[in-house]
Amino acid sequence: MVTDSNTLAAQIKAGDRRSLAKAITLVESTRSDHRQSATQLLEILMPDTGKSIRLGISGVPGVGKSTFIEAFGNYLITQGHSVAVLAVDPTSAVTGGSILGDKTRMETLAFAEKAFVRPSPAGKTLGGVTRRTRESMLLCEAAGFDVILVETVGVGQSETAVADMTDMFLLLLLPAGGDELQGIKRGIMELADLVLVNKADGDQSNTANKTLLDYRSALHFMKSRFANWQSKVLACSSIEGRGIDEVWQEVVNFRSTLSEAGELQQRRAQQARAWMWAETAEALVSDLKNDPQVKALVPELERAVLEGTLPATVAAQRLIEQFKTNS
């Protein structure tokens, strides 16, 4: 792996996709020397980031996220854009690697000259994304990609993490009857800036149109995340390519509206601040666990907690007090 941060940064800014892939592997590494190199690399590249539109895409398994992303990405390329896809896959409990491998399901987009597709295992990180998805987005921006698509593992309450690291959150739904509307989680619906009823083709066209109307009605009872944007519902067919241009037009409208109002810039600043504190918490927990005297205290406290003779809150406080004493 390349560890010279300046050389790697120059290669990334020159648009070398192999170097970009190496850089993402570097930031995903947990080795201390790799973490140091990754930090240096990100510092060098920061002035070249922030110029893309970042889109989070989620939906239930089988809704056609990969098919939609391939159709959407290929359309964007025809419009002169360059697209980076960060696809987060479920993690194998045996190898720790990706189970599905989205790259194999985006055959045309994965090999397109103006596209970069990177599948990564979710690991133990909740929220449908990897712990280093934010860093990967910055690297893709530095490499010149102006549209970043982050595909989550699948829909659920924890999938909302992707909405906190992207500009716009797209939720894909299947054509379904009214009863299924009650089954969707309100939390993720409230975070969706654009709801897409996918697979609106063939025998499902009528059902898709009914689903579209049902969700449009439902959104009237939900408050939008932004003062200047009201969430919308569209129908599309990834297989036939219908409605894809309308999706992009709404993305353009979203970015234009929020940028003019200053909400997009404010949102990114708040995300950066939240990211800083999340990283601080991760680092502190790691330091605490690796402290020799804390380690020595752990077996005794864990045994007491397991036996029910000591409350977990008291045990945690003793570990923290020991760590503070050592510091």
C-alpha atoms as a PDB file:
ATOM      1  CA  MET A   1       0.000   0.000   0.000  1.00  0.00           C
ATOM      2  CA  VAL A   2       1.248   3.495  -0.851  1.00  0.00           C
ATOM      3  CA  THR A   3       2.064   5.404   2.337  1.00  0.00           C
ATOM      4  CA  ASP A   4       3.586   8.579   0.869  1.00  0.00           C
ATOM      5  CA  SER A   5       0.661  10.935   1.429  1.00  0.00           C
ATOM      6  CA  ASN A   6       1.867  13.681  -0.919  1.00  0.00           C
ATOM      7  CA  THR A   7       2.409  11.282  -3.818  1.00  0.00           C
ATOM      8  CA  LEU A   8      -0.920   9.556  -3.249  1.00  0.00           C
ATOM      9  CA  ALA A   9      -2.724  12.911  -2.999  1.00  0.00           C
ATOM     10  CA  ALA A  10      -1.232  14.065  -6.319  1.00  0.00           C
ATOM     11  CA  GLN A  11      -2.318  10.827  -8.005  1.00  0.00           C
ATOM     12  CA  ILE A  12      -5.849  11.160  -6.639  1.00  0.00           C
ATOM     13  CA  LYS A  13      -6.157  14.782  -7.809  1.00  0.00           C
ATOM     14  CA  ALA A  14      -4.969  13.639 -11.233  1.00  0.00           C
ATOM     15  CA  GLY A  15      -7.999  11.308 -11.352  1.00  0.00           C
ATOM     16  CA  ASP A  16      -6.150   7.994 -10.999  1.00  0.00           C
ATOM     17  CA  ARG A  17      -8.829   5.513  -9.922  1.00  0.00           C
ATOM     18  CA  ARG A  18      -6.353   2.876  -8.762  1.00  0.00           C
ATOM     19  CA  SER A  19      -4.849   5.419  -6.358  1.00  0.00           C
ATOM     20  CA  LEU A  20      -8.335   6.391  -5.185  1.00  0.00           C
ATOM     21  CA  ALA A  21      -9.094   2.751  -4.405  1.00  0.00           C
ATOM     22  CA  LYS A  22      -5.803   2.465  -2.482  1.00  0.00           C
ATOM     23  CA  ALA A  23      -6.638   5.619  -0.538  1.00  0.00           C
ATOM     24  CA  ILE A  24     -10.064   4.287   0.489  1.00  0.00           C
ATOM     25  CA  THR A  25      -8.430   1.049   1.625  1.00  0.00           C
ATOM     26  CA  LEU A  26      -5.985   3.177   3.604  1.00  0.00           C
ATOM     27  CA  VAL A  27      -8.691   5.186   5.415  1.00  0.00           C
ATOM     28  CA  GLU A  28     -10.660   1.991   6.144  1.00  0.00           C
ATOM     29  CA  SER A  29      -7.626   0.351   7.753  1.00  0.00           C
ATOM     30  CA  THR A  30      -7.461   0.122  11.555  1.00  0.00           C
ATOM     31  CA  ARG A  31      -3.663  -0.116  11.713  1.00  0.00           C
ATOM     32  CA  SER A  32      -2.177   2.829  13.610  1.00  0.00           C
ATOM     33  CA  ASP A  33       0.433   3.631  10.928  1.00  0.00           C
ATOM     34  CA  HIS A  34      -2.266   3.547   8.246  1.00  0.00           C
ATOM     35  CA  ARG A  35      -4.520   5.791  10.332  1.00  0.00           C
ATOM     36  CA  GLN A  36      -1.700   8.336  10.595  1.00  0.00           C
ATOM     37  CA  SER A  37      -1.092   8.260   6.831  1.00  0.00           C
ATOM     38  CA  ALA A  38      -4.841   8.557   6.179  1.00  0.00           C
ATOM     39  CA  THR A  39      -5.045  11.622   8.429  1.00  0.00           C
ATOM     40  CA  GLN A  40      -2.171  13.295   6.574  1.00  0.00           C
ATOM     41  CA  LEU A  41      -3.744  12.448   3.219  1.00  0.00           C
ATOM     42  CA  LEU A  42      -7.110  13.945   4.166  1.00  0.00           C
ATOM     43  CA  GLU A  43      -5.467  17.147   5.424  1.00  0.00           C
ATOM     44  CA  ILE A  44      -3.672  17.571   2.094  1.00  0.00           C
ATOM     45  CA  LEU A  45      -6.825  16.938   0.064  1.00  0.00           C
ATOM     46  CA  MET A  46      -9.329  19.011   2.080  1.00  0.00           C
ATOM     47  CA  PRO A  47      -9.026  22.122  -0.168  1.00  0.00           C
ATOM     48  CA  ASP A  48     -10.103  19.953  -3.123  1.00  0.00           C
ATOM     49  CA  THR A  49     -13.273  18.625  -1.472  1.00  0.00           C
ATOM     50  CA  GLY A  50     -16.827  19.888  -1.039  1.00  0.00           C
ATOM     51  CA  LYS A  51     -17.684  20.556  -4.676  1.00  0.00           C
ATOM     52  CA  SER A  52     -19.965  17.563  -5.277  1.00  0.00           C
ATOM     53  CA  ILE A  53     -23.608  16.828  -4.532  1.00  0.00           C
ATOM     54  CA  ARG A  54     -23.804  14.007  -1.984  1.00  0.00           C
ATOM     55  CA  LEU A  55     -26.812  11.696  -2.235  1.00  0.00           C
ATOM     56  CA  GLY A  56     -27.785   8.961   0.203  1.00  0.00           C
ATOM     57  CA  ILE A  57     -29.907   6.132  -1.223  1.00  0.00           C
ATOM     58  CA  SER A  58     -31.779   3.576   0.855  1.00  0.00           C
ATOM     59  CA  GLY A  59     -34.651   1.120   0.492  1.00  0.00           C
ATOM     60  CA  VAL A  60     -35.777  -2.353   1.464  1.00  0.00           C
ATOM     61  CA  PRO A  61     -33.858  -5.338   0.048  1.00  0.00           C
ATOM     62  CA  GLY A  62     -35.249  -6.143  -3.394  1.00  0.00           C
ATOM     63  CA  VAL A  63     -36.426  -2.615  -4.148  1.00  0.00           C
ATOM     64  CA  GLY A  64     -33.792  -2.339  -6.880  1.00  0.00           C
ATOM     65  CA  LYS A  65     -31.252   0.061  -5.354  1.00  0.00           C
ATOM     66  CA  SER A  66     -28.334  -1.229  -7.421  1.00  0.00           C
ATOM     67  CA  THR A  67     -30.399  -1.267 -10.637  1.00  0.00           C
ATOM     68  CA  PHE A  68     -31.582   2.277  -9.960  1.00  0.00           C
ATOM     69  CA  ILE A  69     -28.052   3.497  -9.202  1.00  0.00           C
ATOM     70  CA  GLU A  70     -26.718   1.972 -12.405  1.00  0.00           C
ATOM     71  CA  ALA A  71     -29.480   3.582 -14.501  1.00  0.00           C
ATOM     72  CA  PHE A  72     -29.143   6.890 -12.653  1.00  0.00           C
ATOM     73  CA  GLY A  73     -25.337   6.870 -12.848  1.00  0.00           C
ATOM     74  CA  ASN A  74     -25.298   6.093 -16.571  1.00  0.00           C
ATOM     75  CA  TYR A  75     -27.816   8.896 -17.179  1.00  0.00           C
ATOM     76  CA  LEU A  76     -25.652  11.373 -15.249  1.00  0.00           C
ATOM     77  CA  ILE A  77     -22.604  10.423 -17.303  1.00  0.00           C
ATOM     78  CA  THR A  78     -24.516  11.195 -20.511  1.00  0.00           C
ATOM     79  CA  GLN A  79     -25.226  14.622 -18.988  1.00  0.00           C
ATOM     80  CA  GLY A  80     -21.505  15.278 -18.532  1.00  0.00           C
ATOM     81  CA  HIS A  81     -21.158  14.351 -14.862  1.00  0.00           C
ATOM     82  CA  SER A  82     -18.685  12.012 -13.164  1.00  0.00           C
ATOM     83  CA  VAL A  83     -20.164   9.622 -10.607  1.00  0.00           C
ATOM     84  CA  ALA A  84     -18.706   7.855  -7.571  1.00  0.00           C
ATOM     85  CA  VAL A  85     -20.746   5.110  -5.903  1.00  0.00           C
ATOM     86  CA  LEU A  86     -19.968   4.016  -2.355  1.00  0.00           C
ATOM     87  CA  ALA A  87     -22.011   0.832  -1.948  1.00  0.00           C
ATOM     88  CA  VAL A  88     -22.218  -0.530   1.582  1.00  0.00           C
ATOM     89  CA  ASP A  89     -22.817  -4.271   1.720  1.00  0.00           C
ATOM     90  CA  PRO A  90     -23.788  -6.600   4.586  1.00  0.00           C
ATOM     91  CA  THR A  91     -20.745  -8.118   6.247  1.00  0.00           C
ATOM     92  CA  SER A  92     -19.847 -11.790   6.278  1.00  0.00           C
ATOM     93  CA  ALA A  93     -19.628 -13.079   9.850  1.00  0.00           C
ATOM     94  CA  VAL A  94     -16.883 -15.466   8.700  1.00  0.00           C
ATOM     95  CA  THR A  95     -14.537 -13.346   6.545  1.00  0.00           C
ATOM     96  CA  GLY A  96     -15.650  -9.821   7.428  1.00  0.00           C
ATOM     97  CA  GLY A  97     -16.002  -9.016   3.716  1.00  0.00           C
ATOM     98  CA  SER A  98     -18.935  -7.881   1.596  1.00  0.00           C
ATOM     99  CA  ILE A  99     -21.616 -10.516   1.028  1.00  0.00           C
ATOM    100  CA  LEU A 100     -23.455  -9.099  -1.985  1.00  0.00           C
ATOM    101  CA  GLY A 101     -20.744  -7.235  -3.872  1.00  0.00           C
ATOM    102  CA  ASP A 102     -22.664  -4.452  -5.608  1.00  0.00           C
ATOM    103  CA  LYS A 103     -19.878  -3.971  -8.143  1.00  0.00           C
ATOM    104  CA  THR A 104     -20.895  -7.241  -9.793  1.00  0.00           C
ATOM    105  CA  ARG A 105     -24.470  -5.937 -10.111  1.00  0.00           C
ATOM    106  CA  MET A 106     -23.505  -2.634 -11.773  1.00  0.00           C
ATOM    107  CA  GLU A 107     -21.652  -4.078 -14.726  1.00  0.00           C
ATOM    108  CA  THR A 108     -21.927  -1.130 -17.147  1.00  0.00           C
ATOM    109  CA  LEU A 109     -21.462   1.617 -14.539  1.00  0.00           C
ATOM    110  CA  ALA A 110     -18.528  -0.106 -12.833  1.00  0.00           C
ATOM    111  CA  PHE A 111     -16.509  -0.008 -16.057  1.00  0.00           C
ATOM    112  CA  ALA A 112     -17.614   3.422 -17.278  1.00  0.00           C
ATOM    113  CA  GLU A 113     -14.759   5.895 -17.750  1.00  0.00           C
ATOM    114  CA  LYS A 114     -16.421   8.604 -15.669  1.00  0.00           C
ATOM    115  CA  ALA A 115     -17.594   6.339 -12.855  1.00  0.00           C
ATOM    116  CA  PHE A 116     -16.066   4.771  -9.774  1.00  0.00           C
ATOM    117  CA  VAL A 117     -17.874   2.008  -7.856  1.00  0.00           C
ATOM    118  CA  ARG A 118     -16.548   0.954  -4.474  1.00  0.00           C
ATOM    119  CA  PRO A 119     -18.321  -1.759  -2.433  1.00  0.00           C
ATOM    120  CA  SER A 120     -17.312  -1.858   1.234  1.00  0.00           C
ATOM    121  CA  PRO A 121     -18.444  -4.146   4.073  1.00  0.00           C
ATOM    122  CA  ALA A 122     -20.550  -2.457   6.747  1.00  0.00           C
ATOM    123  CA  GLY A 123     -18.567  -4.241   9.448  1.00  0.00           C
ATOM    124  CA  LYS A 124     -19.853  -3.631  12.979  1.00  0.00           C
ATOM    125  CA  THR A 125     -20.961  -0.086  12.176  1.00  0.00           C
ATOM    126  CA  LEU A 126     -24.689   0.560  12.519  1.00  0.00           C
ATOM    127  CA  GLY A 127     -26.595   2.935  10.287  1.00  0.00           C
ATOM    128  CA  GLY A 128     -26.220   1.129   6.968  1.00  0.00           C
ATOM    129  CA  VAL A 129     -22.861   2.762   6.256  1.00  0.00           C
ATOM    130  CA  THR A 130     -19.238   2.085   7.136  1.00  0.00           C
ATOM    131  CA  ARG A 131     -17.361   4.018   9.787  1.00  0.00           C
ATOM    132  CA  ARG A 132     -15.188   5.599   7.091  1.00  0.00           C
ATOM    133  CA  THR A 133     -17.859   6.469   4.518  1.00  0.00           C
ATOM    134  CA  ARG A 134     -17.363  10.193   5.235  1.00  0.00           C
ATOM    135  CA  GLU A 135     -13.639   9.999   4.495  1.00  0.00           C
ATOM    136  CA  SER A 136     -14.320   8.009   1.332  1.00  0.00           C
ATOM    137  CA  MET A 137     -16.691  10.736   0.108  1.00  0.00           C
ATOM    138  CA  LEU A 138     -13.979  13.371   0.580  1.00  0.00           C
ATOM    139  CA  LEU A 139     -11.464  11.264  -1.357  1.00  0.00           C
ATOM    140  CA  CYS A 140     -13.926  10.835  -4.247  1.00  0.00           C
ATOM    141  CA  GLU A 141     -14.530  14.588  -4.341  1.00  0.00           C
ATOM    142  CA  ALA A 142     -10.792  15.269  -4.421  1.00  0.00           C
ATOM    143  CA  ALA A 143     -10.547  12.866  -7.366  1.00  0.00           C
ATOM    144  CA  GLY A 144     -12.966  15.085  -9.291  1.00  0.00           C
ATOM    145  CA  PHE A 145     -16.273  13.212  -8.990  1.00  0.00           C
ATOM    146  CA  ASP A 146     -19.104  15.745  -8.840  1.00  0.00           C
ATOM    147  CA  VAL A 147     -21.907  13.348  -7.859  1.00  0.00           C
ATOM    148  CA  ILE A 148     -21.402  10.997  -4.898  1.00  0.00           C
ATOM    149  CA  LEU A 149     -23.970   8.226  -4.346  1.00  0.00           C
ATOM    150  CA  VAL A 150     -23.956   6.365  -1.029  1.00  0.00           C
ATOM    151  CA  GLU A 151     -26.018   3.170  -1.109  1.00  0.00           C
ATOM    152  CA  THR A 152     -26.921   1.720   2.292  1.00  0.00           C
ATOM    153  CA  VAL A 153     -27.265  -1.922   3.296  1.00  0.00           C
ATOM    154  CA  GLY A 154     -31.068  -1.821   3.497  1.00  0.00           C
ATOM    155  CA  VAL A 155     -33.911   0.080   5.075  1.00  0.00           C
ATOM    156  CA  GLY A 156     -34.477   0.264   8.830  1.00  0.00           C
ATOM    157  CA  GLN A 157     -34.443   2.757  11.666  1.00  0.00           C
ATOM    158  CA  SER A 158     -30.635   2.647  11.897  1.00  0.00           C
ATOM    159  CA  GLU A 159     -30.296   3.331   8.160  1.00  0.00           C
ATOM    160  CA  THR A 160     -31.005   6.989   8.883  1.00  0.00           C
ATOM    161  CA  ALA A 161     -27.282   7.532   9.555  1.00  0.00           C
ATOM    162  CA  VAL A 162     -26.733   8.081   5.823  1.00  0.00           C
ATOM    163  CA  ALA A 163     -29.091  11.077   5.954  1.00  0.00           C
ATOM    164  CA  ASP A 164     -26.715  12.705   8.451  1.00  0.00           C
ATOM    165  CA  MET A 165     -23.687  12.587   6.157  1.00  0.00           C
ATOM    166  CA  THR A 166     -25.177  13.438   2.751  1.00  0.00           C
ATOM    167  CA  ASP A 167     -26.902  16.496   1.279  1.00  0.00           C
ATOM    168  CA  MET A 168     -30.045  14.760   0.053  1.00  0.00           C
ATOM    169  CA  PHE A 169     -31.652  11.500   1.125  1.00  0.00           C
ATOM    170  CA  LEU A 170     -33.484   9.378  -1.479  1.00  0.00           C
ATOM    171  CA  LEU A 171     -35.772   6.578  -0.291  1.00  0.00           C
ATOM    172  CA  LEU A 172     -36.759   3.860  -2.779  1.00  0.00           C
ATOM    173  CA  LEU A 173     -40.040   2.019  -2.305  1.00  0.00           C
ATOM    174  CA  LEU A 174     -41.763  -0.902  -4.008  1.00  0.00           C
ATOM    175  CA  PRO A 175     -45.193  -0.588  -5.610  1.00  0.00           C
ATOM    176  CA  ALA A 176     -47.569  -1.770  -2.878  1.00  0.00           C
ATOM    177  CA  GLY A 177     -51.123  -1.523  -1.635  1.00  0.00           C
ATOM    178  CA  GLY A 178     -52.406   0.853   1.042  1.00  0.00           C
ATOM    179  CA  ASP A 179     -51.901  -1.640   3.862  1.00  0.00           C
ATOM    180  CA  GLU A 180     -48.158  -1.711   3.234  1.00  0.00           C
ATOM    181  CA  LEU A 181     -48.054   2.068   3.736  1.00  0.00           C
ATOM    182  CA  GLN A 182     -48.697   1.509   7.444  1.00  0.00           C
ATOM    183  CA  GLY A 183     -45.659  -0.776   7.670  1.00  0.00           C
ATOM    184  CA  ILE A 184     -43.055   1.779   6.609  1.00  0.00           C
ATOM    185  CA  LYS A 185     -41.090   3.340   9.443  1.00  0.00           C
ATOM    186  CA  ARG A 186     -42.167   6.929  10.069  1.00  0.00           C
ATOM    187  CA  GLY A 187     -38.640   7.909  11.131  1.00  0.00           C
ATOM    188  CA  ILE A 188     -37.028   7.141   7.789  1.00  0.00           C
ATOM    189  CA  MET A 189     -39.952   8.661   5.881  1.00  0.00           C
ATOM    190  CA  GLU A 190     -39.489  11.944   7.744  1.00  0.00           C
ATOM    191  CA  LEU A 191     -35.843  12.047   6.701  1.00  0.00           C
ATOM    192  CA  ALA A 192     -36.511  11.362   3.012  1.00  0.00           C
ATOM    193  CA  ASP A 193     -36.072  14.446   0.820  1.00  0.00           C
ATOM    194  CA  LEU A 194     -37.239  12.520  -2.250  1.00  0.00           C
ATOM    195  CA  VAL A 195     -39.301   9.319  -2.241  1.00  0.00           C
ATOM    196  CA  LEU A 196     -39.104   7.143  -5.358  1.00  0.00           C
ATOM    197  CA  VAL A 197     -41.576   4.386  -6.183  1.00  0.00           C
ATOM    198  CA  ASN A 198     -39.343   2.113  -8.232  1.00  0.00           C
ATOM    199  CA  LYS A 199     -40.318  -0.706 -10.621  1.00  0.00           C
ATOM    200  CA  ALA A 200     -43.183   1.378 -12.033  1.00  0.00           C
ATOM    201  CA  ASP A 201     -43.396  -0.753 -15.167  1.00  0.00           C
ATOM    202  CA  GLY A 202     -45.286  -3.672 -16.702  1.00  0.00           C
ATOM    203  CA  ASP A 203     -48.022  -5.190 -14.550  1.00  0.00           C
ATOM    204  CA  GLN A 204     -46.973  -3.011 -11.618  1.00  0.00           C
ATOM    205  CA  SER A 205     -47.617   0.336 -13.325  1.00  0.00           C
ATOM    206  CA  ASN A 206     -51.124   0.807 -11.907  1.00  0.00           C
ATOM    207  CA  THR A 207     -50.061  -0.298  -8.441  1.00  0.00           C
ATOM    208  CA  ALA A 208     -47.085   2.067  -8.611  1.00  0.00           C
ATOM    209  CA  ASN A 209     -49.323   5.017  -9.483  1.00  0.00           C
ATOM    210  CA  LYS A 210     -51.628   4.219  -6.562  1.00  0.00           C
ATOM    211  CA  THR A 211     -48.626   3.899  -4.247  1.00  0.00           C
ATOM    212  CA  LEU A 212     -47.377   7.254  -5.504  1.00  0.00           C
ATOM    213  CA  LEU A 213     -50.665   8.943  -4.563  1.00  0.00           C
ATOM    214  CA  ASP A 214     -50.780   7.192  -1.177  1.00  0.00           C
ATOM    215  CA  TYR A 215     -47.310   8.405  -0.222  1.00  0.00           C
ATOM    216  CA  ARG A 216     -47.943  11.918  -1.499  1.00  0.00           C
ATOM    217  CA  SER A 217     -50.917  12.074   0.839  1.00  0.00           C
ATOM    218  CA  ALA A 218     -48.882  10.649   3.707  1.00  0.00           C
ATOM    219  CA  LEU A 219     -46.123  13.233   3.286  1.00  0.00           C
ATOM    220  CA  HIS A 220     -48.607  16.037   3.939  1.00  0.00           C
ATOM    221  CA  PHE A 221     -48.707  14.874   7.566  1.00  0.00           C
ATOM    222  CA  MET A 222     -44.927  14.929   7.950  1.00  0.00           C
ATOM    223  CA  LYS A 223     -42.693  17.899   8.560  1.00  0.00           C
ATOM    224  CA  SER A 224     -39.848  18.410   6.095  1.00  0.00           C
ATOM    225  CA  ARG A 225     -36.279  18.548   7.402  1.00  0.00           C
ATOM    226  CA  PHE A 226     -35.645  21.833   5.615  1.00  0.00           C
ATOM    227  CA  ALA A 227     -37.479  25.147   5.828  1.00  0.00           C
ATOM    228  CA  ASN A 228     -37.160  25.714   2.081  1.00  0.00           C
ATOM    229  CA  TRP A 229     -37.829  22.211   0.740  1.00  0.00           C
ATOM    230  CA  GLN A 230     -40.936  20.063   0.746  1.00  0.00           C
ATOM    231  CA  SER A 231     -40.279  16.353   0.227  1.00  0.00           C
ATOM    232  CA  LYS A 232     -41.689  14.914  -2.996  1.00  0.00           C
ATOM    233  CA  VAL A 233     -42.734  11.524  -4.370  1.00  0.00           C
ATOM    234  CA  LEU A 234     -41.955  10.344  -7.906  1.00  0.00           C
ATOM    235  CA  ALA A 235     -42.382   7.064  -9.768  1.00  0.00           C
ATOM    236  CA  CYS A 236     -39.636   5.595 -11.947  1.00  0.00           C
ATOM    237  CA  SER A 237     -38.584   2.463 -13.792  1.00  0.00           C
ATOM    238  CA  SER A 238     -34.885   1.650 -13.512  1.00  0.00           C
ATOM    239  CA  ILE A 239     -35.227  -1.139 -16.092  1.00  0.00           C
ATOM    240  CA  GLU A 240     -36.902   1.032 -18.709  1.00  0.00           C
ATOM    241  CA  GLY A 241     -35.120   4.238 -17.709  1.00  0.00           C
ATOM    242  CA  ARG A 242     -38.379   6.149 -17.283  1.00  0.00           C
ATOM    243  CA  GLY A 243     -38.482   8.941 -14.738  1.00  0.00           C
ATOM    244  CA  ILE A 244     -34.705   8.991 -14.205  1.00  0.00           C
ATOM    245  CA  ASP A 245     -34.385  12.458 -15.763  1.00  0.00           C
ATOM    246  CA  GLU A 246     -37.123  13.746 -13.449  1.00  0.00           C
ATOM    247  CA  VAL A 247     -35.227  12.412 -10.432  1.00  0.00           C
ATOM    248  CA  TRP A 248     -32.100  14.323 -11.445  1.00  0.00           C
ATOM    249  CA  GLN A 249     -34.125  17.495 -12.051  1.00  0.00           C
ATOM    250  CA  GLU A 250     -35.447  17.296  -8.496  1.00  0.00           C
ATOM    251  CA  VAL A 251     -31.889  16.823  -7.200  1.00  0.00           C
ATOM    252  CA  VAL A 252     -30.825  19.943  -9.127  1.00  0.00           C
ATOM    253  CA  ASN A 253     -33.811  21.871  -7.744  1.00  0.00           C
ATOM    254  CA  PHE A 254     -32.996  20.694  -4.225  1.00  0.00           C
ATOM    255  CA  ARG A 255     -29.379  21.803  -4.422  1.00  0.00           C
ATOM    256  CA  SER A 256     -30.237  25.141  -6.018  1.00  0.00           C
ATOM    257  CA  THR A 257     -33.019  25.947  -3.535  1.00  0.00           C
ATOM    258  CA  LEU A 258     -31.053  25.048  -0.404  1.00  0.00           C
ATOM    259  CA  SER A 259     -27.825  26.667  -1.615  1.00  0.00           C
ATOM    260  CA  GLU A 260     -29.580  29.962  -2.291  1.00  0.00           C
ATOM    261  CA  ALA A 261     -31.160  29.846   1.176  1.00  0.00           C
ATOM    262  CA  GLY A 262     -27.819  28.967   2.809  1.00  0.00           C
ATOM    263  CA  GLU A 263     -29.270  25.764   4.285  1.00  0.00           C
ATOM    264  CA  LEU A 264     -26.958  23.411   2.388  1.00  0.00           C
ATOM    265  CA  GLN A 265     -23.802  25.140   3.621  1.00  0.00           C
ATOM    266  CA  GLN A 266     -25.171  25.242   7.172  1.00  0.00           C
ATOM    267  CA  ARG A 267     -26.050  21.554   7.019  1.00  0.00           C
ATOM    268  CA  ARG A 268     -22.562  20.546   5.894  1.00  0.00           C
ATOM    269  CA  ALA A 269     -21.013  22.626   8.673  1.00  0.00           C
ATOM    270  CA  GLN A 270     -23.219  20.923  11.267  1.00  0.00           C
ATOM    271  CA  GLN A 271     -22.359  17.509   9.826  1.00  0.00           C
ATOM    272  CA  ALA A 272     -18.634  18.295  10.083  1.00  0.00           C
ATOM    273  CA  ARG A 273     -19.030  19.324  13.729  1.00  0.00           C
ATOM    274  CA  ALA A 274     -21.000  16.141  14.555  1.00  0.00           C
ATOM    275  CA  TRP A 275     -18.332  14.087  12.767  1.00  0.00           C
ATOM    276  CA  MET A 276     -15.614  15.723  14.886  1.00  0.00           C
ATOM    277  CA  TRP A 277     -17.330  14.745  18.146  1.00  0.00           C
ATOM    278  CA  ALA A 278     -18.093  11.226  16.886  1.00  0.00           C
ATOM    279  CA  GLU A 279     -14.414  10.727  16.063  1.00  0.00           C
ATOM    280  CA  THR A 280     -13.430  12.160  19.458  1.00  0.00           C
ATOM    281  CA  ALA A 281     -15.693   9.673  21.229  1.00  0.00           C
ATOM    282  CA  GLU A 282     -14.315   6.748  19.185  1.00  0.00           C
ATOM    283  CA  ALA A 283     -10.726   7.760  19.952  1.00  0.00           C
ATOM    284  CA  LEU A 284     -11.385   8.158  23.692  1.00  0.00           C
ATOM    285  CA  VAL A 285     -13.062   4.746  23.941  1.00  0.00           C
ATOM    286  CA  SER A 286     -10.156   3.165  22.052  1.00  0.00           C
ATOM    287  CA  ASP A 287      -7.603   4.806  24.369  1.00  0.00           C
ATOM    288  CA  LEU A 288      -9.562   3.724  27.431  1.00  0.00           C
ATOM    289  CA  LYS A 289      -9.747   0.094  26.309  1.00  0.00           C
ATOM    290  CA  ASN A 290      -6.027   0.000  25.531  1.00  0.00           C
ATOM    291  CA  ASP A 291      -4.910   1.558  28.821  1.00  0.00           C
ATOM    292  CA  PRO A 292      -2.882  -1.111  30.749  1.00  0.00           C
ATOM    293  CA  GLN A 293      -4.349  -0.327  34.194  1.00  0.00           C
ATOM    294  CA  VAL A 294      -7.878  -0.203  32.841  1.00  0.00           C
ATOM    295  CA  LYS A 295      -7.273  -3.559  31.146  1.00  0.00           C
ATOM    296  CA  ALA A 296      -6.139  -5.009  34.467  1.00  0.00           C
ATOM    297  CA  LEU A 297      -9.354  -3.859  36.130  1.00  0.00           C
ATOM    298  CA  VAL A 298     -11.696  -5.174  33.433  1.00  0.00           C
ATOM    299  CA  PRO A 299     -11.783  -8.939  34.338  1.00  0.00           C
ATOM    300  CA  GLU A 300     -12.762  -8.239  37.946  1.00  0.00           C
ATOM    301  CA  LEU A 301     -15.474  -5.744  37.019  1.00  0.00           C
ATOM    302  CA  GLU A 302     -16.855  -7.889  34.182  1.00  0.00           C
ATOM    303  CA  ARG A 303     -17.078 -10.867  36.545  1.00  0.00           C
ATOM    304  CA  ALA A 304     -18.984  -8.781  39.112  1.00  0.00           C
ATOM    305  CA  VAL A 305     -21.387  -7.513  36.451  1.00  0.00           C
ATOM    306  CA  LEU A 306     -21.969 -11.032  35.088  1.00  0.00           C
ATOM    307  CA  GLU A 307     -22.643 -12.366  38.608  1.00  0.00           C
ATOM    308  CA  GLY A 308     -25.087  -9.535  39.271  1.00  0.00           C
ATOM    309  CA  THR A 309     -23.187  -8.184  42.285  1.00  0.00           C
ATOM    310  CA  LEU A 310     -22.289  -4.870  40.655  1.00  0.00           C
ATOM    311  CA  PRO A 311     -24.455  -2.588  38.474  1.00  0.00           C
ATOM    312  CA  ALA A 312     -23.060  -1.979  34.979  1.00  0.00           C
ATOM    313  CA  THR A 313     -23.232   1.792  35.518  1.00  0.00           C
ATOM    314  CA  VAL A 314     -21.021   1.548  38.600  1.00  0.00           C
ATOM    315  CA  ALA A 315     -18.527  -0.691  36.772  1.00  0.00           C
ATOM    316  CA  ALA A 316     -18.367   1.759  33.857  1.00  0.00           C
ATOM    317  CA  GLN A 317     -17.766   4.678  36.229  1.00  0.00           C
ATOM    318  CA  ARG A 318     -14.888   2.834  37.932  1.00  0.00           C
ATOM    319  CA  LEU A 319     -13.242   2.173  34.561  1.00  0.00           C
ATOM    320  CA  ILE A 320     -13.556   5.855  33.666  1.00  0.00           C
ATOM    321  CA  GLU A 321     -12.183   6.962  37.051  1.00  0.00           C
ATOM    322  CA  GLN A 322      -9.212   4.629  36.635  1.00  0.00           C
ATOM    323  CA  PHE A 323      -8.577   6.060  33.151  1.00  0.00           C
ATOM    324  CA  LYS A 324      -8.775   9.635  34.462  1.00  0.00           C
ATOM    325  CA  THR A 325      -6.316   8.787  37.244  1.00  0.00           C
ATOM    326  CA  ASN A 326      -3.814   7.438  34.717  1.00  0.00           C
ATOM    327  CA  SER A 327      -4.209  10.512  32.509  1.00  0.00           C
END
